[in-house]
Protein backbone atom coordinates (compact mmCIF):
# COMPACT_ATOMS: atom_id res chain seq x y z
CA MET A 1 -79.55 37.78 -31.18
CA GLY A 2 -77.84 37.39 -34.53
CA ALA A 3 -74.48 34.95 -35.36
CA THR A 4 -72.21 37.51 -35.28
CA ARG A 5 -73.26 39.09 -31.83
CA ALA A 6 -73.34 35.82 -30.01
CA ALA A 7 -69.76 34.69 -31.51
CA THR A 8 -68.87 38.26 -29.60
CA ALA A 9 -70.95 37.76 -26.41
CA ILE A 10 -68.92 33.92 -25.92
CA VAL A 11 -65.47 36.14 -26.38
CA VAL A 12 -66.30 38.33 -23.61
CA VAL A 13 -67.26 35.46 -21.79
CA ALA A 14 -63.62 34.14 -22.49
CA VAL A 15 -62.11 37.57 -21.44
CA GLY A 16 -64.50 37.40 -18.23
CA LEU A 17 -62.74 34.29 -17.61
CA ALA A 18 -59.51 35.30 -18.21
CA ALA A 19 -59.98 38.34 -16.01
CA CYS A 20 -61.09 35.79 -13.27
CA GLY A 21 -58.12 33.74 -13.51
CA PRO A 22 -53.73 34.75 -13.19
CA THR A 23 -52.58 34.67 -17.10
CA GLU A 24 -54.46 34.85 -20.61
CA THR A 25 -57.86 34.60 -21.58
CA PRO A 26 -58.23 30.21 -21.74
CA SER A 27 -59.55 28.24 -24.90
CA THR A 28 -61.43 26.12 -22.62
CA VAL A 29 -62.11 25.93 -18.60
CA THR A 30 -62.32 22.10 -18.58
CA ASP A 31 -58.90 21.46 -17.69
CA ASP A 32 -58.51 23.46 -14.21
CA GLU A 33 -58.58 22.49 -10.85
CA THR A 34 -62.36 25.50 -10.66
CA ILE A 35 -65.13 24.40 -12.07
CA THR A 36 -67.19 27.41 -13.98
CA VAL A 37 -70.98 28.53 -12.88
CA ALA A 38 -72.74 30.92 -15.43
CA SER A 39 -76.00 32.36 -15.81
CA TYR A 40 -78.42 34.03 -17.58
CA ASP A 41 -78.92 37.86 -17.11
CA PHE A 42 -81.37 37.67 -15.11
CA ASP A 43 -82.26 38.10 -10.95
CA GLU A 44 -83.61 34.32 -10.95
CA SER A 45 -80.92 32.81 -12.91
CA GLU A 46 -77.99 34.80 -11.02
CA LEU A 47 -80.15 33.32 -7.17
CA ILE A 48 -79.66 30.04 -8.93
CA GLY A 49 -76.18 29.80 -10.25
CA ASP A 50 -75.66 30.77 -6.07
CA LEU A 51 -77.41 28.41 -5.55
CA TYR A 52 -75.24 25.59 -7.31
CA THR A 53 -72.26 27.30 -6.13
CA GLY A 54 -72.45 27.59 -2.54
CA ALA A 55 -73.56 24.05 -3.16
CA LEU A 56 -70.40 22.70 -4.14
CA ARG A 57 -67.71 25.17 -2.26
CA SER A 58 -69.97 22.91 0.79
CA ALA A 59 -68.89 20.23 -0.54
CA GLY A 60 -64.87 21.50 -1.05
CA LEU A 61 -64.80 22.12 -4.48
CA GLU A 62 -63.08 25.02 -5.69
CA VAL A 63 -66.21 27.39 -7.80
CA ARG A 64 -66.50 30.45 -9.86
CA HIS A 65 -69.54 32.16 -10.59
CA ILE A 66 -69.96 34.36 -13.97
CA ARG A 67 -72.99 36.02 -13.52
CA ARG A 68 -75.33 37.61 -15.82
CA VAL A 69 -73.37 36.18 -19.19
CA GLY A 70 -76.12 36.51 -21.54
CA ALA A 71 -78.84 35.24 -23.06
CA ARG A 72 -79.40 31.39 -23.54
CA GLU A 73 -78.22 32.28 -27.73
CA VAL A 74 -74.91 32.96 -25.99
CA VAL A 75 -75.05 30.76 -22.61
CA LEU A 76 -75.94 27.59 -24.02
CA PRO A 77 -73.18 27.94 -27.30
CA ALA A 78 -70.08 28.97 -24.43
CA LEU A 79 -71.40 25.85 -22.36
CA GLU A 80 -71.06 23.48 -25.67
CA ARG A 81 -67.45 24.86 -26.71
CA GLY A 82 -65.63 25.28 -22.72
CA LEU A 83 -65.97 28.08 -22.01
CA ILE A 84 -68.33 27.27 -18.83
CA GLU A 85 -69.02 24.05 -17.21
CA VAL A 86 -72.12 25.02 -15.33
CA VAL A 87 -75.75 26.22 -15.76
CA PRO A 88 -79.19 26.36 -14.00
CA GLU A 89 -81.33 26.16 -16.96
CA TYR A 90 -85.13 25.44 -17.54
CA ALA A 91 -86.56 22.09 -19.22
CA GLY A 92 -88.63 23.23 -21.53
CA SER A 93 -87.07 26.85 -23.01
CA ALA A 94 -84.13 24.70 -23.20
CA VAL A 95 -85.61 21.74 -25.49
CA ALA A 96 -87.49 24.01 -27.89
CA PHE A 97 -84.30 25.92 -27.90
CA LEU A 98 -82.46 23.05 -29.09
CA GLY A 99 -84.91 22.39 -31.80
CA GLY A 100 -87.34 19.29 -29.67
CA GLU A 101 -90.72 19.51 -28.88
CA PRO A 102 -91.16 21.13 -25.04
CA SER A 103 -93.75 18.90 -23.07
CA SER A 104 -95.94 19.44 -19.81
CA ASP A 105 -94.95 15.94 -18.33
CA PRO A 106 -91.58 17.14 -16.40
CA ALA A 107 -90.45 13.47 -17.10
CA SER A 108 -90.91 13.46 -20.60
CA SER A 109 -89.22 16.81 -20.80
CA HIS A 110 -86.29 15.59 -18.66
CA GLU A 111 -85.48 12.84 -20.92
CA THR A 112 -85.89 14.55 -23.85
CA LEU A 113 -83.19 17.33 -22.92
CA ARG A 114 -80.98 14.82 -22.04
CA LEU A 115 -80.95 13.79 -25.80
CA LEU A 116 -80.90 16.64 -27.57
CA LEU A 117 -77.77 17.30 -25.38
CA GLY A 118 -76.40 14.14 -25.43
CA GLN A 119 -74.51 14.74 -28.81
CA ARG A 120 -72.65 18.05 -27.22
CA GLY A 121 -71.26 17.02 -23.76
CA ILE A 122 -73.68 17.99 -21.33
CA ASP A 123 -75.88 15.97 -19.56
CA ALA A 124 -78.91 17.51 -17.46
CA LEU A 125 -78.77 16.52 -13.98
CA ARG A 126 -81.53 15.71 -11.32
CA ALA A 127 -84.19 18.42 -12.10
CA ALA A 128 -85.92 20.67 -9.17
CA PRO A 129 -90.01 20.67 -8.29
CA ALA A 130 -89.47 24.32 -9.20
CA GLN A 131 -90.77 25.78 -12.21
CA SER A 132 -90.62 28.85 -13.43
CA ARG A 133 -93.63 29.14 -16.40
CA ASN A 134 -95.86 31.44 -17.24
CA GLY A 135 -99.15 31.60 -15.30
CA LEU A 136 -102.37 33.42 -14.56
CA VAL A 137 -103.40 35.32 -11.91
CA VAL A 138 -106.55 37.53 -9.62
CA THR A 139 -106.55 38.82 -6.53
CA SER A 140 -108.37 36.12 -3.97
CA GLN A 141 -111.16 38.35 -3.98
CA THR A 142 -112.08 37.82 -7.76
CA ALA A 143 -111.72 33.95 -7.50
CA VAL A 144 -113.51 33.60 -4.78
CA GLU A 145 -116.90 36.34 -6.79
CA LEU A 146 -115.82 34.81 -9.46
CA ALA A 147 -115.09 30.89 -8.49
CA LEU A 148 -112.23 31.26 -10.22
CA HIS A 149 -109.57 27.95 -9.69
CA THR A 150 -108.24 27.07 -13.02
CA ILE A 151 -107.47 28.98 -16.44
CA SER A 152 -111.19 27.41 -18.08
CA ASP A 153 -112.62 29.29 -15.67
CA LEU A 154 -111.92 32.42 -16.76
CA GLU A 155 -113.45 31.63 -20.39
CA PRO A 156 -117.43 32.80 -19.45
CA VAL A 157 -115.87 36.05 -18.19
CA ALA A 158 -112.60 37.16 -20.26
CA SER A 159 -114.81 39.22 -22.43
CA GLN A 160 -115.42 41.07 -19.68
CA MET A 161 -112.08 41.52 -18.74
CA THR A 162 -108.33 43.36 -18.89
CA LEU A 163 -105.31 41.42 -19.57
CA GLY A 164 -101.83 42.35 -18.61
CA GLY A 165 -98.72 41.25 -18.14
CA PRO A 166 -95.18 41.19 -20.58
CA PRO A 167 -95.27 44.14 -24.10
CA ASP A 168 -93.84 40.79 -26.18
CA CYS A 169 -97.39 39.28 -25.01
CA PRO A 170 -99.99 39.03 -27.73
CA ASP A 171 -96.57 37.87 -29.87
CA ARG A 172 -96.10 34.75 -27.89
CA ASP A 173 -97.39 31.03 -28.52
CA LEU A 174 -97.73 31.00 -24.80
CA CYS A 175 -98.70 33.83 -23.99
CA LEU A 176 -102.44 35.46 -25.36
CA PRO A 177 -101.93 33.74 -28.72
CA GLY A 178 -101.52 29.82 -26.49
CA PHE A 179 -104.74 31.51 -23.89
CA THR A 180 -106.78 32.23 -27.10
CA SER A 181 -106.32 29.42 -28.65
CA THR A 182 -106.20 26.56 -25.95
CA TYR A 183 -108.26 27.91 -23.55
CA GLY A 184 -110.84 29.90 -26.22
CA LEU A 185 -110.03 33.49 -23.92
CA GLN A 186 -111.16 36.77 -25.71
CA PHE A 187 -109.98 38.92 -23.38
CA ALA A 188 -111.66 43.08 -23.34
CA SER A 189 -108.32 44.60 -23.79
CA PHE A 190 -104.60 43.51 -23.40
CA LEU A 191 -102.71 45.87 -20.94
CA PRO A 192 -98.52 46.52 -21.78
CA LEU A 193 -96.23 46.06 -18.75
CA ASP A 194 -93.63 44.89 -17.79
CA SER A 195 -91.50 41.37 -18.04
CA GLY A 196 -90.24 40.98 -14.60
CA GLY A 197 -93.65 40.88 -12.51
CA PRO A 198 -93.34 43.84 -9.80
CA ILE A 199 -95.43 46.30 -12.13
CA THR A 200 -98.02 43.31 -13.36
CA ALA A 201 -98.42 42.56 -9.66
CA GLU A 202 -98.92 45.58 -8.42
CA ALA A 203 -101.51 46.25 -11.42
CA VAL A 204 -103.50 43.23 -10.56
CA GLU A 205 -103.84 44.03 -6.96
CA ARG A 206 -104.81 47.93 -8.18
CA GLY A 207 -107.56 46.51 -10.05
CA THR A 208 -106.16 48.08 -13.31
CA VAL A 209 -105.88 45.31 -15.13
CA ASP A 210 -108.29 41.84 -13.69
CA VAL A 211 -106.01 39.17 -14.47
CA GLY A 212 -102.11 39.07 -14.93
CA VAL A 213 -99.49 37.33 -16.39
CA LEU A 214 -96.67 35.92 -14.15
CA PHE A 215 -94.06 33.60 -14.06
CA THR A 216 -95.13 30.61 -12.14
CA SER A 217 -91.74 31.37 -9.53
CA ASP A 218 -92.46 35.05 -9.47
CA GLY A 219 -91.85 36.74 -5.41
CA SER A 220 -94.94 38.35 -6.22
CA LEU A 221 -96.53 34.91 -4.84
CA SER A 222 -95.70 35.27 -2.32
CA GLN A 223 -95.68 37.95 -1.19
CA HIS A 224 -98.92 39.90 -1.90
CA ASP A 225 -103.16 38.43 -2.59
CA LEU A 226 -102.72 36.99 -5.36
CA VAL A 227 -104.27 33.20 -6.84
CA LEU A 228 -102.53 31.51 -9.40
CA LEU A 229 -104.81 30.00 -11.79
CA ARG A 230 -104.01 26.45 -12.83
CA ASP A 231 -103.20 25.18 -16.10
CA ASP A 232 -105.47 22.63 -16.56
CA ARG A 233 -105.31 22.03 -20.21
CA ARG A 234 -101.49 22.06 -20.36
CA LEU A 235 -100.65 25.14 -22.47
CA GLN A 236 -97.40 25.74 -20.83
CA PRO A 237 -94.42 23.26 -20.83
CA ALA A 238 -92.41 22.18 -18.21
CA GLU A 239 -90.32 23.98 -16.89
CA ASN A 240 -88.69 22.20 -14.16
CA VAL A 241 -85.28 24.08 -13.40
CA THR A 242 -81.91 21.94 -14.30
CA PRO A 243 -78.55 21.71 -14.01
CA LEU A 244 -76.75 21.19 -16.81
CA VAL A 245 -72.83 19.72 -17.02
CA ARG A 246 -70.14 19.03 -19.35
CA ARG A 247 -70.00 15.46 -19.36
CA ASP A 248 -65.81 16.25 -19.02
CA THR A 249 -66.13 17.98 -15.13
CA MET A 250 -68.33 15.62 -13.74
CA GLU A 251 -65.98 13.41 -15.10
CA ARG A 252 -62.83 15.51 -13.62
CA PHE A 253 -64.67 16.55 -10.32
CA GLY A 254 -66.54 12.56 -9.79
CA ALA A 255 -70.07 11.62 -8.46
CA GLU A 256 -69.94 14.14 -4.80
CA MET A 257 -70.33 16.87 -7.51
CA VAL A 258 -73.11 15.09 -9.18
CA ASP A 259 -74.82 13.97 -6.08
CA VAL A 260 -74.47 17.76 -4.44
CA LEU A 261 -76.08 19.56 -7.36
CA GLY A 262 -78.46 16.56 -7.11
CA ALA A 263 -79.26 16.94 -3.29
CA LEU A 264 -80.09 20.69 -3.75
CA SER A 265 -82.91 19.88 -6.55
CA SER A 266 -84.81 17.73 -5.05
CA GLU A 267 -85.26 20.78 -1.78
CA LEU A 268 -86.28 23.40 -4.20
CA THR A 269 -89.08 23.63 -4.92
CA THR A 270 -91.67 26.44 -6.51
CA GLU A 271 -92.45 28.23 -3.42
CA GLU A 272 -89.14 28.00 -1.77
CA LEU A 273 -87.82 29.79 -5.52
CA ARG A 274 -90.62 32.52 -5.17
CA THR A 275 -89.59 33.76 -1.12
CA LEU A 276 -86.38 33.54 -1.95
CA ASN A 277 -87.44 35.92 -5.53
CA ALA A 278 -89.17 38.05 -3.07
CA ASP A 279 -86.49 38.50 -1.22
CA VAL A 280 -84.26 39.42 -3.72
CA ARG A 281 -86.69 41.89 -5.15
CA THR A 282 -86.34 43.66 -1.70
CA GLY A 283 -83.24 44.51 -2.36
CA THR A 284 -80.77 42.07 -1.16
CA PRO A 285 -78.13 40.40 -3.06
CA PRO A 286 -78.56 36.85 -4.37
CA ARG A 287 -75.62 35.88 -2.71
CA VAL A 288 -76.82 37.04 0.32
CA VAL A 289 -80.15 35.47 -0.27
CA ALA A 290 -78.82 32.03 -1.83
CA ALA A 291 -76.49 31.85 1.80
CA GLY A 292 -79.01 31.58 4.09
CA TRP A 293 -81.45 29.53 1.80
CA LEU A 294 -78.56 27.02 1.37
CA GLU A 295 -77.34 27.32 5.09
CA HIS A 296 -80.97 25.95 6.45
CA GLN A 297 -80.61 23.74 4.14
CA GLY A 298 -77.73 22.12 5.77
CA PHE A 299 -75.17 23.22 2.64
CA ALA A 300 -72.89 25.30 4.58
CA ASP A 301 -70.22 27.01 3.12
CA PRO A 302 -66.60 25.59 4.23
CA ASP A 303 -65.07 29.77 4.03
CA GLY A 304 -68.37 31.01 5.53
């Protein structure tokens, strides 16, 4: 996304904020009595934004959620400018976007993210165990027949297999080029499918492709007969779900805000996130899925 287009999108964020309030477009939202959460423009981010929103409301805080604001090129500058205050983020991707070197180690990645954000007036709060990163999946039958447990186990048989996944996989360092350079995988062919997962998952199950690229948090992994192969050579960076929060917002709302988001993160595992994503994929609105999970975890919205 070019700079002009990104700037235009940030203006759109401001206009959206004005629509939520009673008067004209605010220059920032850092001096009102409401916490402004924003999410990226895909289902999982909207879902996690709803989790943050519901959890904060359970503590009696006023919160608004601006859904599907845009891509990282729009959302992080908006956070830095004070147009929004809280964003669910993925550690490794954020580190790379900010010019750092992502690590496969969650603790290292988190510390690097905090250092990169510090000069921008933003903090990375407690990261969740949940991660959403590229993974390779096969059917359970294929896994048993070929004794596949790790991505390394594919090396002797990859030349007889078709890989399916996002259309841009052959051009992304953490997708096909990475699987080739790190694991020596030379697939017989590549079939471009979808970026979101359901088409790829179905193609693996039907045998249209032998191996599929899915996010590790994809709901298909909790619904279908698929096996996620372990990234034993640590190609993928740690992508723990992490709340990014403006420091002036934390000062305004105090420790309670930080504690609530930390408590939520501690409960959000990759397996839990897969189940939630699967529920959203059936057509249930993210806010409804989020409300059910929060209630089960003890985060009760006082407004119902």
